[in-house]
């Protein structure tokens, strides 16, 4: 099951990230997960939000460059070896992880891993065959 994520390109300067969070807050859009990667000149803010279309539009209206990408949300038991088990299965099936980030749900029993794969559909099939729970977007947006 695929999840939509937005990527926002940010100049690497003070206050730029705050601008994004202010725009989203004013539009009543909740951030469910995020990752920020940077270089010396710019950063890429990856977000899972409660309203993808609205977030993309309000950010574009304020001059941000925004893209949309499909990622996969995977639930894993929050204990040592949980991530390794998933990566081992993916590796055995020749599926590359392009990037990933994670967050722990409030219950503390499970973590949610957000993956971008080189072969998304193949990855979903492999995860499902190995009884690894993927989380649909509608569920993730409303956690």
Foldseek 3Di string as FASTA:
>chain_A
DKAKKKKWKAFPDPPGVVVLVVLCVVVVKAWLDWDWDDDNTIIIIITQILDVVVSCVSCVVVPIDMDMDIKWKWKFFPDPPGVVVLVVLCVVVVKDFPDKDKDADPVNGIIIMITDIPDHVVSVVSCVVVVTDIDDHNVSNVD
